[in-house]
PDB file of N, CA and C in Angstrom:
ATOM      1  N   MET A   1       0.849  -1.183   0.000  1.00  0.00           N
ATOM      2  CA  MET A   1       0.000   0.000   0.000  1.00  0.00           C
ATOM      3  C   MET A   1       0.890   1.239   0.000  1.00  0.00           C
ATOM      4  N   PRO A   2       0.744   2.111  -0.989  1.00  0.00           N
ATOM      5  CA  PRO A   2       1.602   3.295  -1.075  1.00  0.00           C
ATOM      6  C   PRO A   2       1.258   4.307   0.008  1.00  0.00           C
ATOM      7  N   ASN A   3       2.257   5.002   0.463  1.00  0.00           N
ATOM      8  CA  ASN A   3       2.083   6.045   1.467  1.00  0.00           C
ATOM      9  C   ASN A   3       1.400   7.245   0.809  1.00  0.00           C
ATOM     10  N   GLU A   4       0.315   7.730   1.402  1.00  0.00           N
ATOM     11  CA  GLU A   4      -0.453   8.829   0.811  1.00  0.00           C
ATOM     12  C   GLU A   4       0.347  10.116   0.735  1.00  0.00           C
ATOM     13  N   ARG A   5       1.268  10.322   1.645  1.00  0.00           N
ATOM     14  CA  ARG A   5       2.058  11.550   1.634  1.00  0.00           C
ATOM     15  C   ARG A   5       2.980  11.606   0.428  1.00  0.00           C
ATOM     16  N   ASN A   6       3.375  10.445  -0.074  1.00  0.00           N
ATOM     17  CA  ASN A   6       4.299  10.392  -1.197  1.00  0.00           C
ATOM     18  C   ASN A   6       3.589  10.437  -2.546  1.00  0.00           C
ATOM     19  N   GLN A   7       2.277  10.333  -2.555  1.00  0.00           N
ATOM     20  CA  GLN A   7       1.541  10.350  -3.808  1.00  0.00           C
ATOM     21  C   GLN A   7       1.519  11.754  -4.399  1.00  0.00           C
ATOM     22  N   HIS A   8       1.491  11.819  -5.704  1.00  0.00           N
ATOM     23  CA  HIS A   8       1.357  13.098  -6.400  1.00  0.00           C
ATOM     24  C   HIS A   8      -0.043  13.640  -6.104  1.00  0.00           C
ATOM     25  N   PRO A   9      -0.211  14.944  -5.881  1.00  0.00           N
ATOM     26  CA  PRO A   9      -1.529  15.490  -5.516  1.00  0.00           C
ATOM     27  C   PRO A   9      -2.633  15.136  -6.495  1.00  0.00           C
ATOM     28  N   GLU A  10      -2.323  15.005  -7.772  1.00  0.00           N
ATOM     29  CA  GLU A  10      -3.350  14.693  -8.761  1.00  0.00           C
ATOM     30  C   GLU A  10      -3.852  13.263  -8.638  1.00  0.00           C
ATOM     31  N   ASN A  11      -3.075  12.399  -8.011  1.00  0.00           N
ATOM     32  CA  ASN A  11      -3.448  10.994  -7.898  1.00  0.00           C
ATOM     33  C   ASN A  11      -4.178  10.676  -6.597  1.00  0.00           C
ATOM     34  N   ARG A  12      -4.316  11.635  -5.731  1.00  0.00           N
ATOM     35  CA  ARG A  12      -5.001  11.394  -4.456  1.00  0.00           C
ATOM     36  C   ARG A  12      -6.506  11.366  -4.670  1.00  0.00           C
ATOM     37  N   GLY A  13      -7.192  10.574  -3.845  1.00  0.00           N
ATOM     38  CA  GLY A  13      -8.638  10.528  -3.898  1.00  0.00           C
ATOM     39  C   GLY A  13      -9.249  11.660  -3.088  1.00  0.00           C
ATOM     40  N   ILE A  14     -10.533  11.832  -3.234  1.00  0.00           N
ATOM     41  CA  ILE A  14     -11.247  12.850  -2.469  1.00  0.00           C
ATOM     42  C   ILE A  14     -11.819  12.183  -1.230  1.00  0.00           C
ATOM     43  N   TYR A  15     -11.592  12.795  -0.090  1.00  0.00           N
ATOM     44  CA  TYR A  15     -12.102  12.260   1.163  1.00  0.00           C
ATOM     45  C   TYR A  15     -13.507  12.781   1.408  1.00  0.00           C
ATOM     46  N   ARG A  16     -14.236  12.053   2.183  1.00  0.00           N
ATOM     47  CA  ARG A  16     -15.608  12.407   2.504  1.00  0.00           C
ATOM     48  C   ARG A  16     -15.695  13.807   3.110  1.00  0.00           C
ATOM     49  N   GLU A  17     -14.724  14.188   3.933  1.00  0.00           N
ATOM     50  CA  GLU A  17     -14.729  15.501   4.584  1.00  0.00           C
ATOM     51  C   GLU A  17     -14.508  16.637   3.589  1.00  0.00           C
ATOM     52  N   GLN A  18     -13.990  16.317   2.407  1.00  0.00           N
ATOM     53  CA  GLN A  18     -13.684  17.337   1.412  1.00  0.00           C
ATOM     54  C   GLN A  18     -14.859  17.626   0.482  1.00  0.00           C
ATOM     55  N   LEU A  19     -15.863  16.793   0.502  1.00  0.00           N
ATOM     56  CA  LEU A  19     -17.013  16.968  -0.382  1.00  0.00           C
ATOM     57  C   LEU A  19     -17.944  18.053   0.145  1.00  0.00           C
ATOM     58  N   VAL A  20     -18.460  18.847  -0.755  1.00  0.00           N
ATOM     59  CA  VAL A  20     -19.455  19.855  -0.407  1.00  0.00           C
ATOM     60  C   VAL A  20     -20.791  19.335  -0.919  1.00  0.00           C
ATOM     61  N   THR A  21     -21.713  19.162   0.000  1.00  0.00           N
ATOM     62  CA  THR A  21     -23.018  18.621  -0.373  1.00  0.00           C
ATOM     63  C   THR A  21     -24.022  19.750  -0.557  1.00  0.00           C
ATOM     64  N   THR A  22     -25.161  19.411  -1.125  1.00  0.00           N
ATOM     65  CA  THR A  22     -26.224  20.415  -1.275  1.00  0.00           C
ATOM     66  C   THR A  22     -26.704  20.872   0.098  1.00  0.00           C
ATOM     67  N   HIS A  23     -26.647  19.975   1.058  1.00  0.00           N
ATOM     68  CA  HIS A  23     -27.022  20.341   2.429  1.00  0.00           C
ATOM     69  C   HIS A  23     -26.052  21.398   2.979  1.00  0.00           C
ATOM     70  N   ASP A  24     -24.751  21.212   2.710  1.00  0.00           N
ATOM     71  CA  ASP A  24     -23.753  22.204   3.137  1.00  0.00           C
ATOM     72  C   ASP A  24     -24.029  23.558   2.495  1.00  0.00           C
ATOM     73  N   LEU A  25     -24.338  23.540   1.210  1.00  0.00           N
ATOM     74  CA  LEU A  25     -24.624  24.789   0.500  1.00  0.00           C
ATOM     75  C   LEU A  25     -25.879  25.467   1.044  1.00  0.00           C
ATOM     76  N   GLN A  26     -26.888  24.680   1.362  1.00  0.00           N
ATOM     77  CA  GLN A  26     -28.125  25.232   1.928  1.00  0.00           C
ATOM     78  C   GLN A  26     -27.842  25.884   3.280  1.00  0.00           C
ATOM     79  N   ASN A  27     -27.031  25.222   4.107  1.00  0.00           N
ATOM     80  CA  ASN A  27     -26.664  25.798   5.408  1.00  0.00           C
ATOM     81  C   ASN A  27     -25.908  27.107   5.235  1.00  0.00           C
ATOM     82  N   LEU A  28     -24.978  27.139   4.280  1.00  0.00           N
ATOM     83  CA  LEU A  28     -24.219  28.357   4.010  1.00  0.00           C
ATOM     84  C   LEU A  28     -25.151  29.478   3.564  1.00  0.00           C
ATOM     85  N   LYS A  29     -26.074  29.151   2.695  1.00  0.00           N
ATOM     86  CA  LYS A  29     -27.041  30.136   2.207  1.00  0.00           C
ATOM     87  C   LYS A  29     -27.849  30.717   3.370  1.00  0.00           C
ATOM     88  N   GLU A  30     -28.333  29.857   4.249  1.00  0.00           N
ATOM     89  CA  GLU A  30     -29.129  30.317   5.386  1.00  0.00           C
ATOM     90  C   GLU A  30     -28.309  31.201   6.319  1.00  0.00           C
ATOM     91  N   GLU A  31     -27.045  30.840   6.535  1.00  0.00           N
ATOM     92  CA  GLU A  31     -26.169  31.657   7.380  1.00  0.00           C
ATOM     93  C   GLU A  31     -25.927  33.028   6.757  1.00  0.00           C
ATOM     94  N   LEU A  32     -25.663  33.052   5.455  1.00  0.00           N
ATOM     95  CA  LEU A  32     -25.427  34.323   4.766  1.00  0.00           C
ATOM     96  C   LEU A  32     -26.669  35.208   4.789  1.00  0.00           C
ATOM     97  N   LEU A  33     -27.826  34.616   4.529  1.00  0.00           N
ATOM     98  CA  LEU A  33     -29.070  35.388   4.570  1.00  0.00           C
ATOM     99  C   LEU A  33     -29.313  35.961   5.958  1.00  0.00           C
ATOM    100  N   SER A  34     -29.040  35.168   6.969  1.00  0.00           N
ATOM    101  CA  SER A  34     -29.201  35.632   8.342  1.00  0.00           C
ATOM    102  C   SER A  34     -28.275  36.813   8.626  1.00  0.00           C
ATOM    103  N   ASP A  35     -27.024  36.695   8.177  1.00  0.00           N
ATOM    104  CA  ASP A  35     -26.066  37.788   8.370  1.00  0.00           C
ATOM    105  C   ASP A  35     -26.493  39.042   7.619  1.00  0.00           C
ATOM    106  N   PHE A  36     -26.971  38.884   6.386  1.00  0.00           N
ATOM    107  CA  PHE A  36     -27.431  40.033   5.608  1.00  0.00           C
ATOM    108  C   PHE A  36     -28.616  40.713   6.287  1.00  0.00           C
ATOM    109  N   ARG A  37     -29.534  39.911   6.796  1.00  0.00           N
ATOM    110  CA  ARG A  37     -30.706  40.489   7.477  1.00  0.00           C
ATOM    111  C   ARG A  37     -30.283  41.299   8.700  1.00  0.00           C
ATOM    112  N   LYS A  38     -29.315  40.774   9.458  1.00  0.00           N
ATOM    113  CA  LYS A  38     -28.812  41.500  10.630  1.00  0.00           C
ATOM    114  C   LYS A  38     -28.197  42.829  10.217  1.00  0.00           C
ATOM    115  N   LEU A  39     -27.389  42.810   9.151  1.00  0.00           N
ATOM    116  CA  LEU A  39     -26.753  44.042   8.673  1.00  0.00           C
ATOM    117  C   LEU A  39     -27.791  45.062   8.212  1.00  0.00           C
ATOM    118  N   LEU A  40     -28.785  44.594   7.473  1.00  0.00           N
ATOM    119  CA  LEU A  40     -29.831  45.501   7.007  1.00  0.00           C
ATOM    120  C   LEU A  40     -30.623  46.085   8.166  1.00  0.00           C
ATOM    121  N   LYS A  41     -30.894  45.262   9.158  1.00  0.00           N
ATOM    122  CA  LYS A  41     -31.639  45.725  10.327  1.00  0.00           C
ATOM    123  C   LYS A  41     -30.843  46.800  11.067  1.00  0.00           C
ATOM    124  N   GLU A  42     -29.525  46.583  11.197  1.00  0.00           N
ATOM    125  CA  GLU A  42     -28.669  47.566  11.862  1.00  0.00           C
ATOM    126  C   GLU A  42     -28.639  48.869  11.077  1.00  0.00           C
ATOM    127  N   GLN A  43     -28.557  48.786   9.756  1.00  0.00           N
ATOM    128  CA  GLN A  43     -28.515  49.985   8.927  1.00  0.00           C
ATOM    129  C   GLN A  43     -29.826  50.748   8.988  1.00  0.00           C
ATOM    130  N   ASN A  44     -30.939  50.045   9.059  1.00  0.00           N
ATOM    131  CA  ASN A  44     -32.245  50.701   9.094  1.00  0.00           C
ATOM    132  C   ASN A  44     -32.447  51.504  10.365  1.00  0.00           C
ATOM    133  N   HIS A  45     -31.719  51.164  11.411  1.00  0.00           N
ATOM    134  CA  HIS A  45     -31.870  51.883  12.671  1.00  0.00           C
ATOM    135  C   HIS A  45     -30.981  53.115  12.738  1.00  0.00           C
ATOM    136  N   GLN A  46     -30.054  53.246  11.782  1.00  0.00           N
ATOM    137  CA  GLN A  46     -29.189  54.416  11.769  1.00  0.00           C
ATOM    138  C   GLN A  46     -29.923  55.561  11.077  1.00  0.00           C
ATOM    139  N   PRO A  47     -29.907  56.734  11.688  1.00  0.00           N
ATOM    140  CA  PRO A  47     -30.599  57.860  11.065  1.00  0.00           C
ATOM    141  C   PRO A  47     -29.898  58.276   9.766  1.00  0.00           C
ATOM    142  N   VAL A  48     -30.690  58.604   8.762  1.00  0.00           N
ATOM    143  CA  VAL A  48     -30.152  59.075   7.492  1.00  0.00           C
ATOM    144  C   VAL A  48     -29.930  60.574   7.616  1.00  0.00           C
ATOM    145  N   LYS A  49     -28.732  61.013   7.227  1.00  0.00           N
ATOM    146  CA  LYS A  49     -28.429  62.434   7.288  1.00  0.00           C
ATOM    147  C   LYS A  49     -29.242  63.161   6.226  1.00  0.00           C
ATOM    148  N   LYS A  50     -29.956  64.189   6.652  1.00  0.00           N
ATOM    149  CA  LYS A  50     -30.756  64.962   5.709  1.00  0.00           C
ATOM    150  C   LYS A  50     -29.893  65.979   4.981  1.00  0.00           C
ATOM    151  N   TRP A  51     -28.930  66.562   5.678  1.00  0.00           N
ATOM    152  CA  TRP A  51     -28.078  67.603   5.111  1.00  0.00           C
ATOM    153  C   TRP A  51     -26.629  67.138   5.070  1.00  0.00           C
ATOM    154  N   LEU A  52     -25.964  67.406   3.948  1.00  0.00           N
ATOM    155  CA  LEU A  52     -24.567  67.032   3.779  1.00  0.00           C
ATOM    156  C   LEU A  52     -23.723  68.275   3.537  1.00  0.00           C
ATOM    157  N   LYS A  53     -22.498  68.243   4.046  1.00  0.00           N
ATOM    158  CA  LYS A  53     -21.556  69.329   3.788  1.00  0.00           C
ATOM    159  C   LYS A  53     -20.897  69.095   2.431  1.00  0.00           C
ATOM    160  N   SER A  54     -20.217  70.132   1.938  1.00  0.00           N
ATOM    161  CA  SER A  54     -19.603  70.070   0.606  1.00  0.00           C
ATOM    162  C   SER A  54     -18.670  68.876   0.447  1.00  0.00           C
ATOM    163  N   TYR A  55     -17.800  68.645   1.436  1.00  0.00           N
ATOM    164  CA  TYR A  55     -16.842  67.542   1.300  1.00  0.00           C
ATOM    165  C   TYR A  55     -17.553  66.194   1.216  1.00  0.00           C
ATOM    166  N   GLU A  56     -18.700  66.074   1.895  1.00  0.00           N
ATOM    167  CA  GLU A  56     -19.452  64.819   1.848  1.00  0.00           C
ATOM    168  C   GLU A  56     -20.083  64.610   0.469  1.00  0.00           C
ATOM    169  N   VAL A  57     -20.572  65.703  -0.115  1.00  0.00           N
ATOM    170  CA  VAL A  57     -21.175  65.619  -1.447  1.00  0.00           C
ATOM    171  C   VAL A  57     -20.105  65.293  -2.483  1.00  0.00           C
ATOM    172  N   ARG A  58     -18.948  65.941  -2.357  1.00  0.00           N
ATOM    173  CA  ARG A  58     -17.850  65.665  -3.293  1.00  0.00           C
ATOM    174  C   ARG A  58     -17.427  64.202  -3.219  1.00  0.00           C
ATOM    175  N   LYS A  59     -17.352  63.691  -2.004  1.00  0.00           N
ATOM    176  CA  LYS A  59     -16.964  62.289  -1.817  1.00  0.00           C
ATOM    177  C   LYS A  59     -18.048  61.356  -2.365  1.00  0.00           C
ATOM    178  N   LEU A  60     -19.296  61.676  -2.092  1.00  0.00           N
ATOM    179  CA  LEU A  60     -20.425  60.862  -2.536  1.00  0.00           C
ATOM    180  C   LEU A  60     -20.496  60.783  -4.056  1.00  0.00           C
ATOM    181  N   LEU A  61     -20.306  61.924  -4.721  1.00  0.00           N
ATOM    182  CA  LEU A  61     -20.424  61.990  -6.174  1.00  0.00           C
ATOM    183  C   LEU A  61     -19.091  61.825  -6.898  1.00  0.00           C
ATOM    184  N   ASN A  62     -18.016  61.785  -6.117  1.00  0.00           N
ATOM    185  CA  ASN A  62     -16.669  61.668  -6.682  1.00  0.00           C
ATOM    186  C   ASN A  62     -16.389  62.808  -7.666  1.00  0.00           C
ATOM    187  N   ILE A  63     -16.604  64.031  -7.192  1.00  0.00           N
ATOM    188  CA  ILE A  63     -16.394  65.209  -8.028  1.00  0.00           C
ATOM    189  C   ILE A  63     -15.434  66.170  -7.334  1.00  0.00           C
ATOM    190  N   SER A  64     -14.886  67.088  -8.106  1.00  0.00           N
ATOM    191  CA  SER A  64     -13.935  68.068  -7.582  1.00  0.00           C
ATOM    192  C   SER A  64     -14.685  69.243  -6.954  1.00  0.00           C
ATOM    193  N   PRO A  65     -13.987  70.052  -6.147  1.00  0.00           N
ATOM    194  CA  PRO A  65     -14.616  71.254  -5.585  1.00  0.00           C
ATOM    195  C   PRO A  65     -15.141  72.182  -6.683  1.00  0.00           C
ATOM    196  N   GLY A  66     -14.411  72.293  -7.794  1.00  0.00           N
ATOM    197  CA  GLY A  66     -14.847  73.156  -8.898  1.00  0.00           C
ATOM    198  C   GLY A  66     -16.132  72.676  -9.544  1.00  0.00           C
ATOM    199  N   THR A  67     -16.258  71.368  -9.709  1.00  0.00           N
ATOM    200  CA  THR A  67     -17.480  70.806 -10.290  1.00  0.00           C
ATOM    201  C   THR A  67     -18.664  71.057  -9.370  1.00  0.00           C
ATOM    202  N   LEU A  68     -18.460  70.894  -8.079  1.00  0.00           N
ATOM    203  CA  LEU A  68     -19.539  71.151  -7.125  1.00  0.00           C
ATOM    204  C   LEU A  68     -19.928  72.627  -7.161  1.00  0.00           C
ATOM    205  N   GLN A  69     -18.950  73.500  -7.257  1.00  0.00           N
ATOM    206  CA  GLN A  69     -19.225  74.936  -7.346  1.00  0.00           C
ATOM    207  C   GLN A  69     -20.032  75.238  -8.615  1.00  0.00           C
ATOM    208  N   ASN A  70     -19.682  74.617  -9.725  1.00  0.00           N
ATOM    209  CA  ASN A  70     -20.438  74.818 -10.969  1.00  0.00           C
ATOM    210  C   ASN A  70     -21.883  74.349 -10.828  1.00  0.00           C
ATOM    211  N   LEU A  71     -22.095  73.247 -10.134  1.00  0.00           N
ATOM    212  CA  LEU A  71     -23.460  72.760  -9.907  1.00  0.00           C
ATOM    213  C   LEU A  71     -24.271  73.763  -9.091  1.00  0.00           C
ATOM    214  N   ARG A  72     -23.599  74.446  -8.159  1.00  0.00           N
ATOM    215  CA  ARG A  72     -24.271  75.492  -7.370  1.00  0.00           C
ATOM    216  C   ARG A  72     -24.564  76.712  -8.237  1.00  0.00           C
ATOM    217  N   ILE A  73     -23.549  77.175  -8.961  1.00  0.00           N
ATOM    218  CA  ILE A  73     -23.661  78.413  -9.736  1.00  0.00           C
ATOM    219  C   ILE A  73     -24.739  78.316 -10.810  1.00  0.00           C
ATOM    220  N   ASN A  74     -24.781  77.191 -11.522  1.00  0.00           N
ATOM    221  CA  ASN A  74     -25.769  77.086 -12.603  1.00  0.00           C
ATOM    222  C   ASN A  74     -27.141  76.612 -12.122  1.00  0.00           C
ATOM    223  N   GLY A  75     -27.300  76.462 -10.806  1.00  0.00           N
ATOM    224  CA  GLY A  75     -28.603  76.131 -10.237  1.00  0.00           C
ATOM    225  C   GLY A  75     -28.983  74.669 -10.338  1.00  0.00           C
ATOM    226  N   THR A  76     -28.043  73.826 -10.711  1.00  0.00           N
ATOM    227  CA  THR A  76     -28.329  72.396 -10.839  1.00  0.00           C
ATOM    228  C   THR A  76     -28.570  71.751  -9.482  1.00  0.00           C
ATOM    229  N   LEU A  77     -27.813  72.200  -8.485  1.00  0.00           N
ATOM    230  CA  LEU A  77     -27.921  71.614  -7.148  1.00  0.00           C
ATOM    231  C   LEU A  77     -28.201  72.710  -6.123  1.00  0.00           C
ATOM    232  N   PRO A  78     -29.409  72.729  -5.561  1.00  0.00           N
ATOM    233  CA  PRO A  78     -29.738  73.727  -4.538  1.00  0.00           C
ATOM    234  C   PRO A  78     -28.881  73.541  -3.289  1.00  0.00           C
ATOM    235  N   TYR A  79     -28.684  74.627  -2.566  1.00  0.00           N
ATOM    236  CA  TYR A  79     -27.869  74.571  -1.354  1.00  0.00           C
ATOM    237  C   TYR A  79     -28.350  75.613  -0.357  1.00  0.00           C
ATOM    238  N   THR A  80     -27.869  75.468   0.865  1.00  0.00           N
ATOM    239  CA  THR A  80     -28.136  76.417   1.938  1.00  0.00           C
ATOM    240  C   THR A  80     -26.801  76.780   2.555  1.00  0.00           C
ATOM    241  N   LYS A  81     -26.613  78.065   2.790  1.00  0.00           N
ATOM    242  CA  LYS A  81     -25.353  78.519   3.377  1.00  0.00           C
ATOM    243  C   LYS A  81     -25.644  79.124   4.740  1.00  0.00           C
ATOM    244  N   ILE A  82     -24.974  78.600   5.748  1.00  0.00           N
ATOM    245  CA  ILE A  82     -25.137  79.092   7.120  1.00  0.00           C
ATOM    246  C   ILE A  82     -23.755  79.310   7.703  1.00  0.00           C
ATOM    247  N   GLY A  83     -23.469  80.544   8.049  1.00  0.00           N
ATOM    248  CA  GLY A  83     -22.186  80.863   8.673  1.00  0.00           C
ATOM    249  C   GLY A  83     -20.984  80.435   7.853  1.00  0.00           C
ATOM    250  N   GLY A  84     -21.061  80.548   6.564  1.00  0.00           N
ATOM    251  CA  GLY A  84     -19.941  80.190   5.708  1.00  0.00           C
ATOM    252  C   GLY A  84     -19.861  78.718   5.350  1.00  0.00           C
ATOM    253  N   VAL A  85     -20.727  77.912   5.909  1.00  0.00           N
ATOM    254  CA  VAL A  85     -20.747  76.473   5.607  1.00  0.00           C
ATOM    255  C   VAL A  85     -21.908  76.195   4.664  1.00  0.00           C
ATOM    256  N   ILE A  86     -21.605  75.488   3.583  1.00  0.00           N
ATOM    257  CA  ILE A  86     -22.632  75.176   2.587  1.00  0.00           C
ATOM    258  C   ILE A  86     -23.165  73.767   2.841  1.00  0.00           C
ATOM    259  N   TYR A  87     -24.492  73.667   2.864  1.00  0.00           N
ATOM    260  CA  TYR A  87     -25.171  72.391   3.093  1.00  0.00           C
ATOM    261  C   TYR A  87     -26.032  72.044   1.887  1.00  0.00           C
ATOM    262  N   TYR A  88     -26.109  70.744   1.607  1.00  0.00           N
ATOM    263  CA  TYR A  88     -26.923  70.236   0.505  1.00  0.00           C
ATOM    264  C   TYR A  88     -27.890  69.209   1.066  1.00  0.00           C
ATOM    265  N   GLU A  89     -29.128  69.295   0.635  1.00  0.00           N
ATOM    266  CA  GLU A  89     -30.117  68.338   1.104  1.00  0.00           C
ATOM    267  C   GLU A  89     -29.972  67.031   0.315  1.00  0.00           C
ATOM    268  N   GLN A  90     -29.975  65.935   1.043  1.00  0.00           N
ATOM    269  CA  GLN A  90     -29.805  64.604   0.441  1.00  0.00           C
ATOM    270  C   GLN A  90     -30.826  64.369  -0.673  1.00  0.00           C
ATOM    271  N   SER A  91     -32.066  64.770  -0.449  1.00  0.00           N
ATOM    272  CA  SER A  91     -33.115  64.543  -1.451  1.00  0.00           C
ATOM    273  C   SER A  91     -32.861  65.351  -2.722  1.00  0.00           C
ATOM    274  N   ASP A  92     -32.249  66.540  -2.601  1.00  0.00           N
ATOM    275  CA  ASP A  92     -31.916  67.343  -3.784  1.00  0.00           C
ATOM    276  C   ASP A  92     -30.843  66.659  -4.624  1.00  0.00           C
ATOM    277  N   ILE A  93     -29.889  66.035  -3.956  1.00  0.00           N
ATOM    278  CA  ILE A  93     -28.837  65.309  -4.670  1.00  0.00           C
ATOM    279  C   ILE A  93     -29.451  64.139  -5.429  1.00  0.00           C
ATOM    280  N   GLN A  94     -30.332  63.414  -4.764  1.00  0.00           N
ATOM    281  CA  GLN A  94     -30.997  62.274  -5.395  1.00  0.00           C
ATOM    282  C   GLN A  94     -31.833  62.740  -6.582  1.00  0.00           C
ATOM    283  N   GLN A  95     -32.550  63.850  -6.407  1.00  0.00           N
ATOM    284  CA  GLN A  95     -33.387  64.398  -7.473  1.00  0.00           C
ATOM    285  C   GLN A  95     -32.536  64.815  -8.677  1.00  0.00           C
ATOM    286  N   MET A  96     -31.392  65.432  -8.417  1.00  0.00           N
ATOM    287  CA  MET A  96     -30.495  65.853  -9.483  1.00  0.00           C
ATOM    288  C   MET A  96     -30.022  64.637 -10.285  1.00  0.00           C
ATOM    289  N   LEU A  97     -29.645  63.579  -9.589  1.00  0.00           N
ATOM    290  CA  LEU A  97     -29.180  62.368 -10.263  1.00  0.00           C
ATOM    291  C   LEU A  97     -30.298  61.733 -11.093  1.00  0.00           C
ATOM    292  N   GLU A  98     -31.484  61.675 -10.523  1.00  0.00           N
ATOM    293  CA  GLU A  98     -32.623  61.080 -11.229  1.00  0.00           C
ATOM    294  C   GLU A  98     -32.971  61.875 -12.480  1.00  0.00           C
ATOM    295  N   SER A  99     -32.913  63.203 -12.390  1.00  0.00           N
ATOM    296  CA  SER A  99     -33.297  64.042 -13.530  1.00  0.00           C
ATOM    297  C   SER A  99     -32.303  63.933 -14.681  1.00  0.00           C
ATOM    298  N   ARG A 100     -31.097  63.491 -14.398  1.00  0.00           N
ATOM    299  CA  ARG A 100     -30.074  63.371 -15.438  1.00  0.00           C
ATOM    300  C   ARG A 100     -29.872  61.934 -15.911  1.00  0.00           C
ATOM    301  N   LYS A 101     -30.712  61.050 -15.436  1.00  0.00           N
ATOM    302  CA  LYS A 101     -30.591  59.641 -15.815  1.00  0.00           C
ATOM    303  C   LYS A 101     -30.946  59.475 -17.290  1.00  0.00           C
ATOM    304  N   THR A 102     -30.143  58.704 -18.004  1.00  0.00           N
ATOM    305  CA  THR A 102     -30.412  58.436 -19.416  1.00  0.00           C
ATOM    306  C   THR A 102     -30.900  57.012 -19.570  1.00  0.00           C
ATOM    307  N   LYS A 103     -31.601  56.788 -20.646  1.00  0.00           N
ATOM    308  CA  LYS A 103     -32.068  55.435 -20.923  1.00  0.00           C
ATOM    309  C   LYS A 103     -30.926  54.652 -21.541  1.00  0.00           C
ATOM    310  N   GLY A 104     -30.723  53.431 -21.078  1.00  0.00           N
ATOM    311  CA  GLY A 104     -29.656  52.591 -21.607  1.00  0.00           C
ATOM    312  C   GLY A 104     -30.001  52.067 -22.989  1.00  0.00           C
ATOM    313  N   HIS A 105     -28.992  51.836 -23.776  1.00  0.00           N
ATOM    314  CA  HIS A 105     -29.178  51.257 -25.107  1.00  0.00           C
ATOM    315  C   HIS A 105     -28.773  49.794 -25.049  1.00  0.00           C
ATOM    316  N   PHE A 106     -29.723  48.935 -25.334  1.00  0.00           N
ATOM    317  CA  PHE A 106     -29.452  47.503 -25.288  1.00  0.00           C
ATOM    318  C   PHE A 106     -29.063  47.019 -26.668  1.00  0.00           C
ATOM    319  N   VAL A 107     -28.086  46.158 -26.700  1.00  0.00           N
ATOM    320  CA  VAL A 107     -27.610  45.611 -27.977  1.00  0.00           C
ATOM    321  C   VAL A 107     -28.293  44.303 -28.253  1.00  0.00           C
TER     322      VAL A 107
END
């Protein structure tokens, strides 16, 4: 009987512990769904910020300070200025994105 350690990896058999069964996959699926539900539940309890500062909007949209300034100047994105700090309402940002959405072309 040949020693298993000396066998080439391609010639080794598969052990029962190495098999993934449909039952294993179902258990994994249930665990993942449970984890996702917990994460979603935690996120739903966090308050959504209604107002964002300029740096937050730039980070969210991945735009430069100049681009954000242009959006303000041309009236594309409404804002509120209090004590030198500019605030943007989250819903206005969403509305701006929705209004500029284009229809996709399917091939």
